[in-house]
């Protein structure tokens, strides 16, 4: 019984640390681009060229990443619009929330990506790793 109460106390204590933080004010597309990262310590930003000669477009690349994003643990698509996606990813231990954005920049034939932590001075590389997973998912499988 004491073990159960101790376990419950730990779970309740961790629940108190579930810190969401405010939604960043710079989300979205501004002047044809996602916001730059103010600091790389808790933000990652990338532009991925899309090979249009293979029939892909930035929009189709964005669409192809939706199942990948939905399969990521504790990640939820918040907004989907033509050429834009906003999702949130919540850490399992303390509930820290990161915002993930994708923008299909058809004019420059690139898919813009940004992942930023809402709180903290460092993300321990989580946002960069998230973008690397998405970048690798864009690489077509070799034809057999």
N, C-alpha and C. Protein backbone atom coordinates (compact mmCIF):
# COMPACT_ATOMS: atom_id res chain seq x y z
N UNK A 1 0.82 -1.20 0.00
CA UNK A 1 0.00 0.00 0.00
C UNK A 1 0.86 1.26 0.00
N UNK A 2 1.95 1.24 0.79
CA UNK A 2 2.84 2.40 0.86
C UNK A 2 3.49 2.64 -0.51
N UNK A 3 3.88 1.54 -1.18
CA UNK A 3 4.48 1.68 -2.51
C UNK A 3 3.50 2.37 -3.46
N UNK A 4 2.24 1.97 -3.41
CA UNK A 4 1.22 2.56 -4.27
C UNK A 4 1.06 4.05 -3.99
N UNK A 5 1.05 4.43 -2.72
CA UNK A 5 0.94 5.84 -2.36
C UNK A 5 2.16 6.64 -2.79
N UNK A 6 3.35 6.04 -2.67
CA UNK A 6 4.56 6.72 -3.11
C UNK A 6 4.53 6.91 -4.63
N UNK A 7 4.11 5.88 -5.34
CA UNK A 7 4.02 5.97 -6.79
C UNK A 7 3.02 7.06 -7.20
N UNK A 8 1.88 7.09 -6.53
CA UNK A 8 0.87 8.10 -6.81
C UNK A 8 1.41 9.50 -6.54
N UNK A 9 2.17 9.66 -5.46
CA UNK A 9 2.76 10.96 -5.12
C UNK A 9 3.73 11.41 -6.20
N UNK A 10 4.53 10.50 -6.72
CA UNK A 10 5.48 10.84 -7.79
C UNK A 10 4.73 11.26 -9.05
N UNK A 11 3.71 10.51 -9.41
CA UNK A 11 2.93 10.84 -10.62
C UNK A 11 2.26 12.20 -10.47
N UNK A 12 1.68 12.46 -9.32
CA UNK A 12 1.04 13.76 -9.10
C UNK A 12 2.06 14.90 -9.10
N UNK A 13 3.23 14.65 -8.55
CA UNK A 13 4.28 15.68 -8.55
C UNK A 13 4.71 16.01 -9.97
N UNK A 14 4.89 14.99 -10.79
CA UNK A 14 5.28 15.22 -12.18
C UNK A 14 4.17 15.93 -12.96
N UNK A 15 2.93 15.63 -12.63
CA UNK A 15 1.81 16.29 -13.31
C UNK A 15 1.81 17.78 -13.03
N UNK A 16 2.29 18.16 -11.87
CA UNK A 16 2.37 19.58 -11.54
C UNK A 16 3.34 20.33 -12.45
N UNK A 17 4.32 19.62 -12.97
CA UNK A 17 5.33 20.23 -13.83
C UNK A 17 4.90 20.33 -15.29
N UNK A 18 3.71 19.87 -15.61
CA UNK A 18 3.22 19.94 -16.99
C UNK A 18 3.09 21.41 -17.40
N UNK A 19 4.14 21.89 -18.06
CA UNK A 19 4.25 23.30 -18.39
C UNK A 19 4.08 23.47 -19.89
N UNK A 20 2.99 24.08 -20.29
CA UNK A 20 2.69 24.23 -21.72
C UNK A 20 3.37 25.46 -22.29
N UNK A 21 3.24 26.58 -21.65
CA UNK A 21 3.82 27.83 -22.15
C UNK A 21 2.92 28.49 -23.17
N UNK A 22 3.15 29.76 -23.43
CA UNK A 22 2.32 30.51 -24.38
C UNK A 22 2.63 30.13 -25.83
N UNK A 23 1.61 30.20 -26.66
CA UNK A 23 1.78 29.96 -28.10
C UNK A 23 2.65 31.10 -28.65
N UNK A 24 3.71 30.77 -29.40
CA UNK A 24 4.56 31.82 -29.96
C UNK A 24 3.78 32.78 -30.85
N UNK A 25 4.07 34.06 -30.73
CA UNK A 25 3.35 35.07 -31.51
C UNK A 25 3.80 35.12 -32.97
N UNK A 26 4.97 34.52 -33.26
CA UNK A 26 5.50 34.59 -34.63
C UNK A 26 5.16 33.36 -35.47
N UNK A 27 4.18 32.54 -35.03
CA UNK A 27 3.77 31.40 -35.85
C UNK A 27 3.12 31.88 -37.13
N UNK A 28 3.20 31.05 -38.15
CA UNK A 28 2.56 31.37 -39.41
C UNK A 28 3.54 31.87 -40.45
N UNK A 29 3.00 32.18 -41.60
CA UNK A 29 3.80 32.66 -42.74
C UNK A 29 3.72 34.17 -42.77
N UNK A 30 4.88 34.81 -42.77
CA UNK A 30 4.98 36.27 -42.81
C UNK A 30 5.89 36.66 -43.97
N UNK A 31 5.37 37.42 -44.90
CA UNK A 31 6.12 37.84 -46.09
C UNK A 31 6.71 36.64 -46.83
N UNK A 32 5.93 35.58 -46.96
CA UNK A 32 6.35 34.42 -47.74
C UNK A 32 7.32 33.50 -47.06
N UNK A 33 7.44 33.56 -45.73
CA UNK A 33 8.39 32.70 -45.03
C UNK A 33 7.95 32.45 -43.59
N UNK A 34 8.43 31.34 -43.06
CA UNK A 34 8.28 31.09 -41.63
C UNK A 34 9.27 31.98 -40.89
N UNK A 35 9.01 32.24 -39.65
CA UNK A 35 9.89 33.11 -38.85
C UNK A 35 11.27 32.47 -38.70
N UNK A 36 12.30 33.29 -38.64
CA UNK A 36 13.63 32.77 -38.35
C UNK A 36 13.71 32.37 -36.88
N UNK A 37 14.72 31.63 -36.53
CA UNK A 37 14.95 31.26 -35.13
C UNK A 37 15.70 32.40 -34.44
N UNK A 38 15.15 32.83 -33.32
CA UNK A 38 15.83 33.88 -32.55
C UNK A 38 17.13 33.35 -31.96
N UNK A 39 17.13 32.09 -31.58
CA UNK A 39 18.33 31.45 -31.05
C UNK A 39 18.29 29.97 -31.41
N UNK A 40 19.42 29.39 -31.79
CA UNK A 40 19.42 27.96 -32.13
C UNK A 40 19.36 27.05 -30.89
N UNK A 41 19.41 27.63 -29.70
CA UNK A 41 19.40 26.82 -28.48
C UNK A 41 18.07 26.12 -28.26
N UNK A 42 16.98 26.70 -28.75
CA UNK A 42 15.67 26.06 -28.58
C UNK A 42 14.80 26.14 -29.82
N UNK A 43 15.45 26.26 -30.97
CA UNK A 43 14.72 26.36 -32.23
C UNK A 43 15.56 25.79 -33.36
N UNK A 44 14.89 25.18 -34.33
CA UNK A 44 15.57 24.69 -35.53
C UNK A 44 14.75 25.13 -36.73
N UNK A 45 15.45 25.50 -37.80
CA UNK A 45 14.79 26.01 -39.01
C UNK A 45 15.52 25.43 -40.21
N UNK A 46 14.77 25.00 -41.23
CA UNK A 46 15.39 24.43 -42.43
C UNK A 46 14.57 24.75 -43.66
N UNK A 47 15.23 24.81 -44.80
CA UNK A 47 14.60 24.93 -46.10
C UNK A 47 15.05 23.73 -46.92
N UNK A 48 14.09 22.93 -47.37
CA UNK A 48 14.41 21.74 -48.14
C UNK A 48 13.99 21.93 -49.59
N UNK A 49 14.97 21.90 -50.53
CA UNK A 49 14.60 22.01 -51.95
C UNK A 49 13.80 20.79 -52.39
N UNK A 50 12.81 21.03 -53.22
CA UNK A 50 11.95 19.96 -53.73
C UNK A 50 12.24 19.77 -55.21
N UNK A 51 12.57 18.55 -55.59
CA UNK A 51 12.90 18.23 -56.97
C UNK A 51 11.63 18.18 -57.81
N UNK A 52 11.31 19.26 -58.47
CA UNK A 52 10.06 19.33 -59.22
C UNK A 52 10.09 18.50 -60.50
N UNK A 53 11.27 18.19 -61.00
CA UNK A 53 11.32 17.39 -62.23
C UNK A 53 10.83 15.96 -61.99
N UNK A 54 10.81 15.52 -60.73
CA UNK A 54 10.29 14.19 -60.42
C UNK A 54 8.78 14.22 -60.18
N UNK A 55 8.17 15.39 -60.39
CA UNK A 55 6.74 15.53 -60.23
C UNK A 55 6.31 16.01 -58.85
N UNK A 56 7.27 16.12 -57.94
CA UNK A 56 6.95 16.60 -56.60
C UNK A 56 6.81 18.11 -56.59
N UNK A 57 6.03 18.60 -55.67
CA UNK A 57 5.88 20.03 -55.43
C UNK A 57 6.07 20.24 -53.93
N UNK A 58 6.33 21.46 -53.49
CA UNK A 58 6.39 21.70 -52.05
C UNK A 58 5.10 21.27 -51.34
N UNK A 59 3.95 21.48 -51.98
CA UNK A 59 2.68 21.07 -51.37
C UNK A 59 2.59 19.56 -51.23
N UNK A 60 2.99 18.82 -52.26
CA UNK A 60 2.92 17.35 -52.16
C UNK A 60 3.93 16.84 -51.13
N UNK A 61 5.07 17.51 -51.01
CA UNK A 61 6.05 17.13 -49.99
C UNK A 61 5.47 17.35 -48.59
N UNK A 62 4.81 18.49 -48.40
CA UNK A 62 4.16 18.76 -47.12
C UNK A 62 3.13 17.68 -46.81
N UNK A 63 2.29 17.37 -47.79
CA UNK A 63 1.25 16.35 -47.59
C UNK A 63 1.85 14.99 -47.26
N UNK A 64 3.00 14.67 -47.87
CA UNK A 64 3.61 13.37 -47.61
C UNK A 64 4.16 13.26 -46.19
N UNK A 65 4.41 14.39 -45.55
CA UNK A 65 4.93 14.37 -44.18
C UNK A 65 3.85 14.30 -43.11
N UNK A 66 2.60 14.52 -43.47
CA UNK A 66 1.53 14.50 -42.47
C UNK A 66 1.44 13.15 -41.75
N UNK A 67 1.47 12.02 -42.46
CA UNK A 67 1.42 10.74 -41.73
C UNK A 67 2.65 10.53 -40.83
N UNK A 68 3.79 11.04 -41.25
CA UNK A 68 5.01 10.93 -40.45
C UNK A 68 4.84 11.73 -39.16
N UNK A 69 4.32 12.94 -39.29
CA UNK A 69 4.09 13.79 -38.11
C UNK A 69 3.06 13.14 -37.19
N UNK A 70 1.98 12.64 -37.76
CA UNK A 70 0.94 12.02 -36.94
C UNK A 70 1.43 10.76 -36.25
N UNK A 71 2.44 10.09 -36.81
CA UNK A 71 2.99 8.88 -36.20
C UNK A 71 4.01 9.18 -35.11
N UNK A 72 4.49 10.41 -35.05
CA UNK A 72 5.43 10.79 -33.99
C UNK A 72 4.70 10.76 -32.65
N UNK A 73 5.35 10.32 -31.63
CA UNK A 73 4.72 10.25 -30.32
C UNK A 73 4.33 11.62 -29.79
N UNK A 74 3.14 11.71 -29.22
CA UNK A 74 2.63 12.93 -28.56
C UNK A 74 2.65 14.16 -29.47
N UNK A 75 2.43 13.96 -30.75
CA UNK A 75 2.39 15.06 -31.71
C UNK A 75 0.97 15.18 -32.27
N UNK A 76 0.50 16.41 -32.34
CA UNK A 76 -0.89 16.65 -32.77
C UNK A 76 -0.91 17.77 -33.81
N UNK A 77 -1.56 17.51 -34.94
CA UNK A 77 -1.74 18.55 -35.96
C UNK A 77 -2.80 19.51 -35.44
N UNK A 78 -2.44 20.79 -35.34
CA UNK A 78 -3.33 21.82 -34.81
C UNK A 78 -4.03 22.57 -35.93
N UNK A 79 -3.29 22.84 -37.01
CA UNK A 79 -3.84 23.62 -38.12
C UNK A 79 -3.30 23.10 -39.44
N UNK A 80 -4.20 22.94 -40.40
CA UNK A 80 -3.83 22.58 -41.77
C UNK A 80 -4.54 23.52 -42.70
N UNK A 81 -3.78 24.21 -43.50
CA UNK A 81 -4.32 25.10 -44.52
C UNK A 81 -3.53 24.84 -45.80
N UNK A 82 -4.00 25.38 -46.88
CA UNK A 82 -3.29 25.21 -48.15
C UNK A 82 -1.86 25.72 -48.01
N UNK A 83 -0.90 24.80 -48.09
CA UNK A 83 0.51 25.17 -48.05
C UNK A 83 1.08 25.38 -46.66
N UNK A 84 0.31 25.12 -45.61
CA UNK A 84 0.80 25.38 -44.25
C UNK A 84 0.30 24.32 -43.29
N UNK A 85 1.17 23.94 -42.36
CA UNK A 85 0.80 23.00 -41.31
C UNK A 85 1.42 23.46 -40.00
N UNK A 86 0.64 23.40 -38.92
CA UNK A 86 1.13 23.68 -37.58
C UNK A 86 0.76 22.49 -36.71
N UNK A 87 1.76 21.95 -36.01
CA UNK A 87 1.54 20.84 -35.09
C UNK A 87 2.24 21.15 -33.78
N UNK A 88 1.80 20.47 -32.72
CA UNK A 88 2.47 20.59 -31.43
C UNK A 88 2.99 19.22 -31.03
N UNK A 89 4.13 19.23 -30.37
CA UNK A 89 4.73 18.01 -29.84
C UNK A 89 4.94 18.22 -28.34
N UNK A 90 4.47 17.28 -27.55
CA UNK A 90 4.55 17.40 -26.10
C UNK A 90 5.50 16.35 -25.55
N UNK A 91 6.46 16.78 -24.73
CA UNK A 91 7.40 15.83 -24.14
C UNK A 91 6.69 14.97 -23.11
N UNK A 92 7.12 13.73 -22.99
CA UNK A 92 6.41 12.79 -22.13
C UNK A 92 6.66 13.03 -20.64
N UNK A 93 7.82 13.50 -20.27
CA UNK A 93 8.11 13.62 -18.84
C UNK A 93 7.50 14.86 -18.21
N UNK A 94 7.83 16.03 -18.72
CA UNK A 94 7.36 17.26 -18.08
C UNK A 94 6.27 17.97 -18.87
N UNK A 95 5.95 17.48 -20.05
CA UNK A 95 4.87 18.08 -20.83
C UNK A 95 5.25 19.38 -21.52
N UNK A 96 6.55 19.59 -21.77
CA UNK A 96 6.96 20.78 -22.51
C UNK A 96 6.41 20.69 -23.94
N UNK A 97 5.96 21.81 -24.47
CA UNK A 97 5.36 21.83 -25.80
C UNK A 97 6.28 22.53 -26.79
N UNK A 98 6.46 21.90 -27.95
CA UNK A 98 7.19 22.49 -29.07
C UNK A 98 6.19 22.72 -30.19
N UNK A 99 6.42 23.76 -30.97
CA UNK A 99 5.58 24.05 -32.13
C UNK A 99 6.35 23.70 -33.40
N UNK A 100 5.72 22.92 -34.27
CA UNK A 100 6.29 22.52 -35.54
C UNK A 100 5.48 23.16 -36.65
N UNK A 101 6.18 23.79 -37.59
CA UNK A 101 5.51 24.41 -38.73
C UNK A 101 6.16 23.95 -40.02
N UNK A 102 5.33 23.77 -41.05
CA UNK A 102 5.79 23.50 -42.40
C UNK A 102 5.09 24.47 -43.34
N UNK A 103 5.85 24.99 -44.30
CA UNK A 103 5.27 25.90 -45.29
C UNK A 103 5.75 25.50 -46.67
N UNK A 104 4.81 25.23 -47.56
CA UNK A 104 5.11 24.87 -48.95
C UNK A 104 5.34 26.15 -49.74
N UNK A 105 6.59 26.49 -49.96
CA UNK A 105 6.97 27.70 -50.69
C UNK A 105 7.12 27.34 -52.17
N UNK A 106 6.02 27.45 -52.89
CA UNK A 106 6.01 27.07 -54.30
C UNK A 106 6.85 28.01 -55.16
N UNK A 107 6.89 29.26 -54.78
CA UNK A 107 7.65 30.25 -55.56
C UNK A 107 9.13 29.90 -55.64
N UNK A 108 9.69 29.39 -54.56
CA UNK A 108 11.11 29.05 -54.51
C UNK A 108 11.37 27.55 -54.56
N UNK A 109 10.32 26.74 -54.74
CA UNK A 109 10.41 25.28 -54.82
C UNK A 109 11.11 24.68 -53.60
N UNK A 110 10.71 25.17 -52.42
CA UNK A 110 11.26 24.62 -51.18
C UNK A 110 10.13 24.36 -50.18
N UNK A 111 10.40 23.47 -49.27
CA UNK A 111 9.53 23.24 -48.13
C UNK A 111 10.25 23.81 -46.92
N UNK A 112 9.66 24.82 -46.32
CA UNK A 112 10.25 25.44 -45.14
C UNK A 112 9.77 24.70 -43.91
N UNK A 113 10.65 24.50 -42.94
CA UNK A 113 10.31 23.80 -41.71
C UNK A 113 10.90 24.56 -40.52
N UNK A 114 10.13 24.57 -39.44
CA UNK A 114 10.58 25.24 -38.21
C UNK A 114 10.01 24.48 -37.03
N UNK A 115 10.84 24.23 -36.03
CA UNK A 115 10.41 23.59 -34.79
C UNK A 115 11.01 24.39 -33.65
N UNK A 116 10.15 24.87 -32.74
CA UNK A 116 10.61 25.77 -31.68
C UNK A 116 9.96 25.39 -30.35
N UNK A 117 10.76 25.43 -29.30
CA UNK A 117 10.26 25.16 -27.95
C UNK A 117 9.58 26.42 -27.42
N UNK A 118 8.48 26.22 -26.70
CA UNK A 118 7.78 27.36 -26.13
C UNK A 118 8.50 27.92 -24.90
N UNK A 119 9.14 27.05 -24.15
CA UNK A 119 9.80 27.47 -22.91
C UNK A 119 11.22 26.93 -22.85
N UNK A 120 12.04 27.57 -22.02
CA UNK A 120 13.38 27.06 -21.75
C UNK A 120 14.46 27.74 -22.57
N UNK A 121 15.67 27.54 -22.11
CA UNK A 121 16.83 28.11 -22.79
C UNK A 121 17.50 27.10 -23.71
N UNK A 122 17.19 25.82 -23.54
CA UNK A 122 17.79 24.79 -24.38
C UNK A 122 16.77 23.68 -24.60
N UNK A 123 16.79 23.12 -25.81
CA UNK A 123 15.89 22.01 -26.11
C UNK A 123 16.64 20.68 -26.16
N UNK A 124 17.93 20.71 -25.84
CA UNK A 124 18.78 19.51 -25.85
C UNK A 124 18.79 18.84 -27.23
N UNK A 125 18.61 19.63 -28.28
CA UNK A 125 18.67 19.13 -29.64
C UNK A 125 17.41 18.47 -30.16
N UNK A 126 16.32 18.52 -29.40
CA UNK A 126 15.08 17.84 -29.79
C UNK A 126 14.51 18.42 -31.07
N UNK A 127 14.50 19.73 -31.22
CA UNK A 127 13.91 20.34 -32.42
C UNK A 127 14.71 20.00 -33.67
N UNK A 128 16.03 20.02 -33.58
CA UNK A 128 16.86 19.63 -34.73
C UNK A 128 16.63 18.18 -35.11
N UNK A 129 16.53 17.32 -34.11
CA UNK A 129 16.28 15.90 -34.39
C UNK A 129 14.93 15.70 -35.06
N UNK A 130 13.93 16.45 -34.62
CA UNK A 130 12.59 16.35 -35.22
C UNK A 130 12.65 16.72 -36.70
N UNK A 131 13.34 17.82 -37.02
CA UNK A 131 13.44 18.23 -38.43
C UNK A 131 14.26 17.23 -39.23
N UNK A 132 15.26 16.61 -38.62
CA UNK A 132 16.06 15.62 -39.34
C UNK A 132 15.21 14.39 -39.69
N UNK A 133 14.34 13.97 -38.79
CA UNK A 133 13.43 12.86 -39.08
C UNK A 133 12.55 13.20 -40.27
N UNK A 134 12.03 14.42 -40.30
CA UNK A 134 11.17 14.84 -41.41
C UNK A 134 11.95 14.95 -42.71
N UNK A 135 13.16 15.48 -42.64
CA UNK A 135 13.99 15.59 -43.85
C UNK A 135 14.26 14.22 -44.44
N UNK A 136 14.61 13.26 -43.59
CA UNK A 136 14.88 11.91 -44.08
C UNK A 136 13.64 11.27 -44.69
N UNK A 137 12.47 11.61 -44.16
CA UNK A 137 11.22 11.06 -44.70
C UNK A 137 10.94 11.60 -46.10
N UNK A 138 11.52 12.73 -46.45
CA UNK A 138 11.32 13.30 -47.79
C UNK A 138 12.18 12.62 -48.86
N UNK A 139 13.23 11.95 -48.41
CA UNK A 139 14.14 11.30 -49.37
C UNK A 139 13.43 10.10 -49.97
N UNK A 140 13.29 10.06 -51.29
CA UNK A 140 12.58 8.93 -51.91
C UNK A 140 13.36 7.62 -51.73
N UNK A 141 12.60 6.55 -51.59
CA UNK A 141 13.22 5.23 -51.48
C UNK A 141 13.85 4.88 -52.82
N UNK A 142 14.98 4.19 -52.79
CA UNK A 142 15.62 3.79 -54.06
C UNK A 142 14.70 2.84 -54.85
N UNK A 143 14.68 3.03 -56.15
CA UNK A 143 13.86 2.18 -57.00
C UNK A 143 14.58 0.86 -57.22
N UNK A 144 13.80 -0.20 -57.12
CA UNK A 144 14.37 -1.54 -57.26
C UNK A 144 14.10 -2.09 -58.63
